[in-house]
Amino acid sequence: MRATPFDIFRKDLLGTPVWMETVEDIETAKCRVRELAGRSPGEYFVFSRETEEIVINTVPRVYELVVPDPVFSRAGELISILYCVNVPLPLPPVFS
């Protein structure tokens, strides 16, 4: 039976690691982390069972709350809506 030496984890909102899946090699791990992070933004890391170290660690995406200028109806009622946008930032290297 072949060993599967790399575990992929995602950190939840409290920073607790949540196991996602296990892969056999580092290249597959890199690919899967990119796919997972693309579908569900967050912080991911890959743990090597062989070395017992984190070998890949992503940087979490940053979101900024955008508040538009207030908009009022003709009756003077506030009708603005708050929303979030993904703010593009200069990205450091994805993998350490």
PDB file of N, CA and C in Angstrom:
ATOM      1  N   MET A   1       0.836  -1.181   0.000  1.00  0.00           N
ATOM      2  CA  MET A   1       0.000   0.000   0.000  1.00  0.00           C
ATOM      3  C   MET A   1       0.882   1.247   0.000  1.00  0.00           C
ATOM      4  N   ARG A   2       0.560   2.215  -0.869  1.00  0.00           N
ATOM      5  CA  ARG A   2       1.340   3.441  -0.974  1.00  0.00           C
ATOM      6  C   ARG A   2       0.955   4.437   0.107  1.00  0.00           C
ATOM      7  N   ALA A   3       1.955   5.085   0.653  1.00  0.00           N
ATOM      8  CA  ALA A   3       1.693   6.118   1.649  1.00  0.00           C
ATOM      9  C   ALA A   3       1.202   7.391   0.962  1.00  0.00           C
ATOM     10  N   THR A   4       0.373   8.136   1.624  1.00  0.00           N
ATOM     11  CA  THR A   4      -0.090   9.434   1.123  1.00  0.00           C
ATOM     12  C   THR A   4       0.444  10.499   2.070  1.00  0.00           C
ATOM     13  N   PRO A   5       1.617  11.053   1.727  1.00  0.00           N
ATOM     14  CA  PRO A   5       2.364  11.836   2.706  1.00  0.00           C
ATOM     15  C   PRO A   5       1.992  13.308   2.916  1.00  0.00           C
ATOM     16  N   PHE A   6       1.019  13.872   2.180  1.00  0.00           N
ATOM     17  CA  PHE A   6       0.716  15.297   2.333  1.00  0.00           C
ATOM     18  C   PHE A   6      -0.752  15.502   2.667  1.00  0.00           C
ATOM     19  N   ASP A   7      -1.011  16.129   3.810  1.00  0.00           N
ATOM     20  CA  ASP A   7      -2.374  16.447   4.218  1.00  0.00           C
ATOM     21  C   ASP A   7      -2.633  17.921   3.966  1.00  0.00           C
ATOM     22  N   ILE A   8      -3.802  18.229   3.396  1.00  0.00           N
ATOM     23  CA  ILE A   8      -4.195  19.613   3.132  1.00  0.00           C
ATOM     24  C   ILE A   8      -5.212  20.029   4.186  1.00  0.00           C
ATOM     25  N   PHE A   9      -4.962  21.190   4.791  1.00  0.00           N
ATOM     26  CA  PHE A   9      -5.843  21.735   5.817  1.00  0.00           C
ATOM     27  C   PHE A   9      -6.286  23.141   5.437  1.00  0.00           C
ATOM     28  N   ARG A  10      -7.431  23.532   5.958  1.00  0.00           N
ATOM     29  CA  ARG A  10      -7.918  24.905   5.850  1.00  0.00           C
ATOM     30  C   ARG A  10      -8.148  25.404   7.267  1.00  0.00           C
ATOM     31  N   LYS A  11      -7.769  26.634   7.538  1.00  0.00           N
ATOM     32  CA  LYS A  11      -8.021  27.199   8.866  1.00  0.00           C
ATOM     33  C   LYS A  11      -9.435  27.778   8.887  1.00  0.00           C
ATOM     34  N   ASP A  12     -10.197  27.437   9.945  1.00  0.00           N
ATOM     35  CA  ASP A  12     -11.542  27.994  10.063  1.00  0.00           C
ATOM     36  C   ASP A  12     -11.451  29.416  10.617  1.00  0.00           C
ATOM     37  N   LEU A  13     -12.603  30.026  10.890  1.00  0.00           N
ATOM     38  CA  LEU A  13     -12.629  31.415  11.335  1.00  0.00           C
ATOM     39  C   LEU A  13     -11.901  31.647  12.658  1.00  0.00           C
ATOM     40  N   LEU A  14     -11.775  30.600  13.458  1.00  0.00           N
ATOM     41  CA  LEU A  14     -11.067  30.713  14.729  1.00  0.00           C
ATOM     42  C   LEU A  14      -9.591  30.335  14.607  1.00  0.00           C
ATOM     43  N   GLY A  15      -9.165  29.938  13.397  1.00  0.00           N
ATOM     44  CA  GLY A  15      -7.783  29.548  13.176  1.00  0.00           C
ATOM     45  C   GLY A  15      -7.509  28.075  13.434  1.00  0.00           C
ATOM     46  N   THR A  16      -8.570  27.302  13.669  1.00  0.00           N
ATOM     47  CA  THR A  16      -8.430  25.870  13.923  1.00  0.00           C
ATOM     48  C   THR A  16      -8.262  25.130  12.599  1.00  0.00           C
ATOM     49  N   PRO A  17      -7.242  24.276  12.471  1.00  0.00           N
ATOM     50  CA  PRO A  17      -7.063  23.517  11.224  1.00  0.00           C
ATOM     51  C   PRO A  17      -8.209  22.527  11.003  1.00  0.00           C
ATOM     52  N   VAL A  18      -8.699  22.505   9.765  1.00  0.00           N
ATOM     53  CA  VAL A  18      -9.739  21.560   9.358  1.00  0.00           C
ATOM     54  C   VAL A  18      -9.163  20.745   8.207  1.00  0.00           C
ATOM     55  N   TRP A  19      -9.087  19.418   8.390  1.00  0.00           N
ATOM     56  CA  TRP A  19      -8.528  18.552   7.355  1.00  0.00           C
ATOM     57  C   TRP A  19      -9.424  18.562   6.129  1.00  0.00           C
ATOM     58  N   MET A  20      -8.823  18.719   4.953  1.00  0.00           N
ATOM     59  CA  MET A  20      -9.575  18.734   3.699  1.00  0.00           C
ATOM     60  C   MET A  20      -9.392  17.438   2.917  1.00  0.00           C
ATOM     61  N   GLU A  21      -8.132  17.043   2.695  1.00  0.00           N
ATOM     62  CA  GLU A  21      -7.846  15.825   1.937  1.00  0.00           C
ATOM     63  C   GLU A  21      -6.367  15.479   2.050  1.00  0.00           C
ATOM     64  N   THR A  22      -6.022  14.310   1.526  1.00  0.00           N
ATOM     65  CA  THR A  22      -4.634  13.846   1.496  1.00  0.00           C
ATOM     66  C   THR A  22      -4.245  13.595   0.043  1.00  0.00           C
ATOM     67  N   VAL A  23      -3.017  13.987  -0.316  1.00  0.00           N
ATOM     68  CA  VAL A  23      -2.502  13.760  -1.668  1.00  0.00           C
ATOM     69  C   VAL A  23      -1.136  13.097  -1.574  1.00  0.00           C
ATOM     70  N   GLU A  24      -0.674  12.557  -2.711  1.00  0.00           N
ATOM     71  CA  GLU A  24       0.549  11.759  -2.715  1.00  0.00           C
ATOM     72  C   GLU A  24       1.837  12.526  -2.964  1.00  0.00           C
ATOM     73  N   ASP A  25       1.750  13.708  -3.598  1.00  0.00           N
ATOM     74  CA  ASP A  25       2.992  14.426  -3.894  1.00  0.00           C
ATOM     75  C   ASP A  25       2.788  15.928  -3.763  1.00  0.00           C
ATOM     76  N   ILE A  26       3.895  16.637  -3.705  1.00  0.00           N
ATOM     77  CA  ILE A  26       3.868  18.074  -3.459  1.00  0.00           C
ATOM     78  C   ILE A  26       3.258  18.856  -4.623  1.00  0.00           C
ATOM     79  N   GLU A  27       3.474  18.422  -5.845  1.00  0.00           N
ATOM     80  CA  GLU A  27       2.899  19.111  -7.010  1.00  0.00           C
ATOM     81  C   GLU A  27       1.375  19.018  -7.006  1.00  0.00           C
ATOM     82  N   THR A  28       0.850  17.847  -6.668  1.00  0.00           N
ATOM     83  CA  THR A  28      -0.597  17.685  -6.563  1.00  0.00           C
ATOM     84  C   THR A  28      -1.133  18.552  -5.430  1.00  0.00           C
ATOM     85  N   ALA A  29      -0.395  18.630  -4.339  1.00  0.00           N
ATOM     86  CA  ALA A  29      -0.799  19.465  -3.204  1.00  0.00           C
ATOM     87  C   ALA A  29      -0.902  20.932  -3.615  1.00  0.00           C
ATOM     88  N   LYS A  30       0.099  21.438  -4.350  1.00  0.00           N
ATOM     89  CA  LYS A  30       0.068  22.826  -4.816  1.00  0.00           C
ATOM     90  C   LYS A  30      -1.152  23.085  -5.686  1.00  0.00           C
ATOM     91  N   CYS A  31      -1.417  22.181  -6.603  1.00  0.00           N
ATOM     92  CA  CYS A  31      -2.552  22.314  -7.511  1.00  0.00           C
ATOM     93  C   CYS A  31      -3.876  22.313  -6.742  1.00  0.00           C
ATOM     94  N   ARG A  32      -4.020  21.370  -5.830  1.00  0.00           N
ATOM     95  CA  ARG A  32      -5.261  21.255  -5.054  1.00  0.00           C
ATOM     96  C   ARG A  32      -5.478  22.474  -4.156  1.00  0.00           C
ATOM     97  N   VAL A  33      -4.415  23.003  -3.560  1.00  0.00           N
ATOM     98  CA  VAL A  33      -4.562  24.186  -2.711  1.00  0.00           C
ATOM     99  C   VAL A  33      -5.034  25.367  -3.547  1.00  0.00           C
ATOM    100  N   ARG A  34      -4.470  25.535  -4.746  1.00  0.00           N
ATOM    101  CA  ARG A  34      -4.926  26.615  -5.641  1.00  0.00           C
ATOM    102  C   ARG A  34      -6.404  26.447  -5.970  1.00  0.00           C
ATOM    103  N   GLU A  35      -6.821  25.227  -6.300  1.00  0.00           N
ATOM    104  CA  GLU A  35      -8.222  24.962  -6.635  1.00  0.00           C
ATOM    105  C   GLU A  35      -9.138  25.238  -5.444  1.00  0.00           C
ATOM    106  N   LEU A  36      -8.777  24.725  -4.288  1.00  0.00           N
ATOM    107  CA  LEU A  36      -9.600  24.916  -3.095  1.00  0.00           C
ATOM    108  C   LEU A  36      -9.705  26.394  -2.722  1.00  0.00           C
ATOM    109  N   ALA A  37      -8.584  27.103  -2.740  1.00  0.00           N
ATOM    110  CA  ALA A  37      -8.587  28.526  -2.391  1.00  0.00           C
ATOM    111  C   ALA A  37      -9.369  29.347  -3.412  1.00  0.00           C
ATOM    112  N   GLY A  38      -9.358  28.910  -4.670  1.00  0.00           N
ATOM    113  CA  GLY A  38     -10.127  29.599  -5.697  1.00  0.00           C
ATOM    114  C   GLY A  38     -11.620  29.459  -5.493  1.00  0.00           C
ATOM    115  N   ARG A  39     -12.046  28.310  -4.985  1.00  0.00           N
ATOM    116  CA  ARG A  39     -13.478  28.058  -4.744  1.00  0.00           C
ATOM    117  C   ARG A  39     -13.958  28.622  -3.419  1.00  0.00           C
ATOM    118  N   SER A  40     -13.102  28.551  -2.412  1.00  0.00           N
ATOM    119  CA  SER A  40     -13.486  28.985  -1.069  1.00  0.00           C
ATOM    120  C   SER A  40     -12.300  29.719  -0.438  1.00  0.00           C
ATOM    121  N   PRO A  41     -12.297  31.047  -0.516  1.00  0.00           N
ATOM    122  CA  PRO A  41     -11.177  31.818   0.007  1.00  0.00           C
ATOM    123  C   PRO A  41     -10.905  31.504   1.474  1.00  0.00           C
ATOM    124  N   GLY A  42      -9.672  31.529   1.812  1.00  0.00           N
ATOM    125  CA  GLY A  42      -9.274  31.262   3.185  1.00  0.00           C
ATOM    126  C   GLY A  42      -7.800  30.929   3.242  1.00  0.00           C
ATOM    127  N   GLU A  43      -7.351  30.558   4.424  1.00  0.00           N
ATOM    128  CA  GLU A  43      -5.947  30.197   4.602  1.00  0.00           C
ATOM    129  C   GLU A  43      -5.820  28.678   4.596  1.00  0.00           C
ATOM    130  N   TYR A  44      -4.955  28.170   3.731  1.00  0.00           N
ATOM    131  CA  TYR A  44      -4.721  26.732   3.589  1.00  0.00           C
ATOM    132  C   TYR A  44      -3.257  26.431   3.875  1.00  0.00           C
ATOM    133  N   PHE A  45      -3.004  25.216   4.319  1.00  0.00           N
ATOM    134  CA  PHE A  45      -1.618  24.786   4.453  1.00  0.00           C
ATOM    135  C   PHE A  45      -1.518  23.292   4.194  1.00  0.00           C
ATOM    136  N   VAL A  46      -0.312  22.874   3.816  1.00  0.00           N
ATOM    137  CA  VAL A  46      -0.037  21.467   3.518  1.00  0.00           C
ATOM    138  C   VAL A  46       0.986  20.969   4.530  1.00  0.00           C
ATOM    139  N   PHE A  47       0.678  19.839   5.131  1.00  0.00           N
ATOM    140  CA  PHE A  47       1.519  19.236   6.154  1.00  0.00           C
ATOM    141  C   PHE A  47       2.154  17.969   5.593  1.00  0.00           C
ATOM    142  N   SER A  48       3.467  17.883   5.693  1.00  0.00           N
ATOM    143  CA  SER A  48       4.183  16.690   5.236  1.00  0.00           C
ATOM    144  C   SER A  48       4.240  15.696   6.385  1.00  0.00           C
ATOM    145  N   ARG A  49       3.717  14.504   6.151  1.00  0.00           N
ATOM    146  CA  ARG A  49       3.790  13.460   7.181  1.00  0.00           C
ATOM    147  C   ARG A  49       5.227  12.974   7.377  1.00  0.00           C
ATOM    148  N   GLU A  50       5.999  13.005   6.296  1.00  0.00           N
ATOM    149  CA  GLU A  50       7.379  12.526   6.362  1.00  0.00           C
ATOM    150  C   GLU A  50       8.247  13.421   7.243  1.00  0.00           C
ATOM    151  N   THR A  51       8.183  14.739   6.994  1.00  0.00           N
ATOM    152  CA  THR A  51       9.034  15.663   7.749  1.00  0.00           C
ATOM    153  C   THR A  51       8.331  16.255   8.974  1.00  0.00           C
ATOM    154  N   GLU A  52       7.015  16.040   9.044  1.00  0.00           N
ATOM    155  CA  GLU A  52       6.183  16.599  10.120  1.00  0.00           C
ATOM    156  C   GLU A  52       6.304  18.116  10.199  1.00  0.00           C
ATOM    157  N   GLU A  53       6.300  18.759   9.006  1.00  0.00           N
ATOM    158  CA  GLU A  53       6.383  20.213   8.898  1.00  0.00           C
ATOM    159  C   GLU A  53       5.342  20.717   7.911  1.00  0.00           C
ATOM    160  N   ILE A  54       4.994  21.980   8.056  1.00  0.00           N
ATOM    161  CA  ILE A  54       4.144  22.641   7.068  1.00  0.00           C
ATOM    162  C   ILE A  54       5.041  23.007   5.901  1.00  0.00           C
ATOM    163  N   VAL A  55       4.701  22.518   4.713  1.00  0.00           N
ATOM    164  CA  VAL A  55       5.549  22.740   3.539  1.00  0.00           C
ATOM    165  C   VAL A  55       4.962  23.752   2.561  1.00  0.00           C
ATOM    166  N   ILE A  56       3.664  24.041   2.680  1.00  0.00           N
ATOM    167  CA  ILE A  56       2.994  25.049   1.868  1.00  0.00           C
ATOM    168  C   ILE A  56       2.051  25.796   2.795  1.00  0.00           C
ATOM    169  N   ASN A  57       2.039  27.116   2.663  1.00  0.00           N
ATOM    170  CA  ASN A  57       1.146  27.927   3.472  1.00  0.00           C
ATOM    171  C   ASN A  57       0.653  29.077   2.613  1.00  0.00           C
ATOM    172  N   THR A  58      -0.664  29.243   2.479  1.00  0.00           N
ATOM    173  CA  THR A  58      -1.194  30.324   1.656  1.00  0.00           C
ATOM    174  C   THR A  58      -1.428  31.559   2.496  1.00  0.00           C
ATOM    175  N   VAL A  59      -1.556  32.680   1.817  1.00  0.00           N
ATOM    176  CA  VAL A  59      -1.874  33.939   2.453  1.00  0.00           C
ATOM    177  C   VAL A  59      -3.381  34.136   2.296  1.00  0.00           C
ATOM    178  N   PRO A  60      -4.096  34.432   3.382  1.00  0.00           N
ATOM    179  CA  PRO A  60      -5.539  34.626   3.246  1.00  0.00           C
ATOM    180  C   PRO A  60      -5.849  35.854   2.406  1.00  0.00           C
ATOM    181  N   ARG A  61      -6.958  35.802   1.679  1.00  0.00           N
ATOM    182  CA  ARG A  61      -7.404  36.965   0.915  1.00  0.00           C
ATOM    183  C   ARG A  61      -7.901  38.034   1.880  1.00  0.00           C
ATOM    184  N   VAL A  62      -7.778  39.280   1.442  1.00  0.00           N
ATOM    185  CA  VAL A  62      -8.224  40.392   2.272  1.00  0.00           C
ATOM    186  C   VAL A  62      -9.461  41.012   1.634  1.00  0.00           C
ATOM    187  N   TYR A  63     -10.470  41.219   2.432  1.00  0.00           N
ATOM    188  CA  TYR A  63     -11.695  41.867   1.970  1.00  0.00           C
ATOM    189  C   TYR A  63     -11.859  43.181   2.703  1.00  0.00           C
ATOM    190  N   GLU A  64     -12.406  44.145   2.024  1.00  0.00           N
ATOM    191  CA  GLU A  64     -12.615  45.449   2.619  1.00  0.00           C
ATOM    192  C   GLU A  64     -14.091  45.788   2.518  1.00  0.00           C
ATOM    193  N   LEU A  65     -14.644  46.296   3.602  1.00  0.00           N
ATOM    194  CA  LEU A  65     -16.031  46.715   3.601  1.00  0.00           C
ATOM    195  C   LEU A  65     -16.123  48.059   2.901  1.00  0.00           C
ATOM    196  N   VAL A  66     -17.003  48.151   1.929  1.00  0.00           N
ATOM    197  CA  VAL A  66     -17.175  49.386   1.181  1.00  0.00           C
ATOM    198  C   VAL A  66     -18.537  49.960   1.535  1.00  0.00           C
ATOM    199  N   VAL A  67     -18.531  51.211   1.961  1.00  0.00           N
ATOM    200  CA  VAL A  67     -19.784  51.878   2.300  1.00  0.00           C
ATOM    201  C   VAL A  67     -20.000  52.973   1.271  1.00  0.00           C
ATOM    202  N   PRO A  68     -21.059  52.823   0.448  1.00  0.00           N
ATOM    203  CA  PRO A  68     -21.300  53.848  -0.561  1.00  0.00           C
ATOM    204  C   PRO A  68     -21.813  55.132   0.086  1.00  0.00           C
ATOM    205  N   ASP A  69     -21.778  56.224  -0.668  1.00  0.00           N
ATOM    206  CA  ASP A  69     -22.363  57.470  -0.174  1.00  0.00           C
ATOM    207  C   ASP A  69     -23.839  57.221   0.124  1.00  0.00           C
ATOM    208  N   PRO A  70     -24.370  57.857   1.159  1.00  0.00           N
ATOM    209  CA  PRO A  70     -25.783  57.639   1.478  1.00  0.00           C
ATOM    210  C   PRO A  70     -26.682  58.039   0.309  1.00  0.00           C
ATOM    211  N   VAL A  71     -27.696  57.249   0.093  1.00  0.00           N
ATOM    212  CA  VAL A  71     -28.686  57.530  -0.939  1.00  0.00           C
ATOM    213  C   VAL A  71     -30.037  57.617  -0.237  1.00  0.00           C
ATOM    214  N   PHE A  72     -30.772  58.668  -0.540  1.00  0.00           N
ATOM    215  CA  PHE A  72     -32.053  58.876   0.118  1.00  0.00           C
ATOM    216  C   PHE A  72     -33.181  58.840  -0.909  1.00  0.00           C
ATOM    217  N   SER A  73     -34.339  58.348  -0.481  1.00  0.00           N
ATOM    218  CA  SER A  73     -35.520  58.356  -1.341  1.00  0.00           C
ATOM    219  C   SER A  73     -36.086  59.776  -1.376  1.00  0.00           C
ATOM    220  N   ARG A  74     -37.079  59.988  -2.219  1.00  0.00           N
ATOM    221  CA  ARG A  74     -37.709  61.313  -2.293  1.00  0.00           C
ATOM    222  C   ARG A  74     -38.383  61.690  -0.972  1.00  0.00           C
ATOM    223  N   ALA A  75     -38.744  60.647  -0.196  1.00  0.00           N
ATOM    224  CA  ALA A  75     -39.376  60.902   1.103  1.00  0.00           C
ATOM    225  C   ALA A  75     -38.333  61.165   2.186  1.00  0.00           C
ATOM    226  N   GLY A  76     -37.050  61.091   1.833  1.00  0.00           N
ATOM    227  CA  GLY A  76     -35.995  61.365   2.784  1.00  0.00           C
ATOM    228  C   GLY A  76     -35.523  60.156   3.570  1.00  0.00           C
ATOM    229  N   GLU A  77     -35.994  58.939   3.185  1.00  0.00           N
ATOM    230  CA  GLU A  77     -35.577  57.721   3.883  1.00  0.00           C
ATOM    231  C   GLU A  77     -34.250  57.220   3.318  1.00  0.00           C
ATOM    232  N   LEU A  78     -33.385  56.768   4.223  1.00  0.00           N
ATOM    233  CA  LEU A  78     -32.086  56.234   3.824  1.00  0.00           C
ATOM    234  C   LEU A  78     -32.284  54.898   3.111  1.00  0.00           C
ATOM    235  N   ILE A  79     -31.721  54.750   1.898  1.00  0.00           N
ATOM    236  CA  ILE A  79     -31.873  53.501   1.152  1.00  0.00           C
ATOM    237  C   ILE A  79     -30.536  52.908   0.715  1.00  0.00           C
ATOM    238  N   SER A  80     -29.431  53.372   1.308  1.00  0.00           N
ATOM    239  CA  SER A  80     -28.116  52.819   0.974  1.00  0.00           C
ATOM    240  C   SER A  80     -28.028  51.357   1.382  1.00  0.00           C
ATOM    241  N   ILE A  81     -27.186  50.615   0.683  1.00  0.00           N
ATOM    242  CA  ILE A  81     -26.942  49.207   0.974  1.00  0.00           C
ATOM    243  C   ILE A  81     -25.454  49.022   1.200  1.00  0.00           C
ATOM    244  N   LEU A  82     -25.109  48.282   2.241  1.00  0.00           N
ATOM    245  CA  LEU A  82     -23.712  47.946   2.485  1.00  0.00           C
ATOM    246  C   LEU A  82     -23.371  46.692   1.705  1.00  0.00           C
ATOM    247  N   TYR A  83     -22.176  46.609   1.185  1.00  0.00           N
ATOM    248  CA  TYR A  83     -21.741  45.432   0.456  1.00  0.00           C
ATOM    249  C   TYR A  83     -20.241  45.286   0.587  1.00  0.00           C
ATOM    250  N   CYS A  84     -19.746  44.090   0.295  1.00  0.00           N
ATOM    251  CA  CYS A  84     -18.312  43.811   0.367  1.00  0.00           C
ATOM    252  C   CYS A  84     -17.772  43.580  -1.033  1.00  0.00           C
ATOM    253  N   VAL A  85     -16.556  44.005  -1.247  1.00  0.00           N
ATOM    254  CA  VAL A  85     -15.878  43.733  -2.509  1.00  0.00           C
ATOM    255  C   VAL A  85     -14.513  43.149  -2.227  1.00  0.00           C
ATOM    256  N   ASN A  86     -14.073  42.327  -3.138  1.00  0.00           N
ATOM    257  CA  ASN A  86     -12.727  41.760  -3.046  1.00  0.00           C
ATOM    258  C   ASN A  86     -11.763  42.822  -3.549  1.00  0.00           C
ATOM    259  N   VAL A  87     -10.885  43.270  -2.681  1.00  0.00           N
ATOM    260  CA  VAL A  87      -9.945  44.321  -3.037  1.00  0.00           C
ATOM    261  C   VAL A  87      -8.657  43.686  -3.540  1.00  0.00           C
ATOM    262  N   PRO A  88      -8.283  43.947  -4.798  1.00  0.00           N
ATOM    263  CA  PRO A  88      -7.035  43.372  -5.294  1.00  0.00           C
ATOM    264  C   PRO A  88      -5.841  44.023  -4.590  1.00  0.00           C
ATOM    265  N   LEU A  89      -4.986  43.203  -4.052  1.00  0.00           N
ATOM    266  CA  LEU A  89      -3.782  43.670  -3.382  1.00  0.00           C
ATOM    267  C   LEU A  89      -2.572  43.029  -4.046  1.00  0.00           C
ATOM    268  N   PRO A  90      -1.416  43.674  -3.914  1.00  0.00           N
ATOM    269  CA  PRO A  90      -0.214  42.998  -4.422  1.00  0.00           C
ATOM    270  C   PRO A  90      -0.043  41.691  -3.670  1.00  0.00           C
ATOM    271  N   LEU A  91       0.090  40.621  -4.391  1.00  0.00           N
ATOM    272  CA  LEU A  91       0.163  39.319  -3.762  1.00  0.00           C
ATOM    273  C   LEU A  91       1.606  38.865  -3.520  1.00  0.00           C
ATOM    274  N   PRO A  92       1.901  38.478  -2.289  1.00  0.00           N
ATOM    275  CA  PRO A  92       3.205  37.882  -2.034  1.00  0.00           C
ATOM    276  C   PRO A  92       3.215  36.471  -2.612  1.00  0.00           C
ATOM    277  N   PRO A  93       4.337  35.800  -2.629  1.00  0.00           N
ATOM    278  CA  PRO A  93       4.361  34.433  -3.134  1.00  0.00           C
ATOM    279  C   PRO A  93       3.346  33.572  -2.376  1.00  0.00           C
ATOM    280  N   VAL A  94       2.617  32.738  -3.109  1.00  0.00           N
ATOM    281  CA  VAL A  94       1.555  31.923  -2.525  1.00  0.00           C
ATOM    282  C   VAL A  94       2.121  30.851  -1.624  1.00  0.00           C
ATOM    283  N   PHE A  95       3.249  30.311  -1.992  1.00  0.00           N
ATOM    284  CA  PHE A  95       3.797  29.191  -1.232  1.00  0.00           C
ATOM    285  C   PHE A  95       5.124  29.579  -0.597  1.00  0.00           C
ATOM    286  N   SER A  96       5.267  29.141   0.634  1.00  0.00           N
ATOM    287  CA  SER A  96       6.536  29.414   1.315  1.00  0.00           C
ATOM    288  C   SER A  96       7.454  28.226   1.217  1.00  0.00           C
TER     289      SER A  96
END
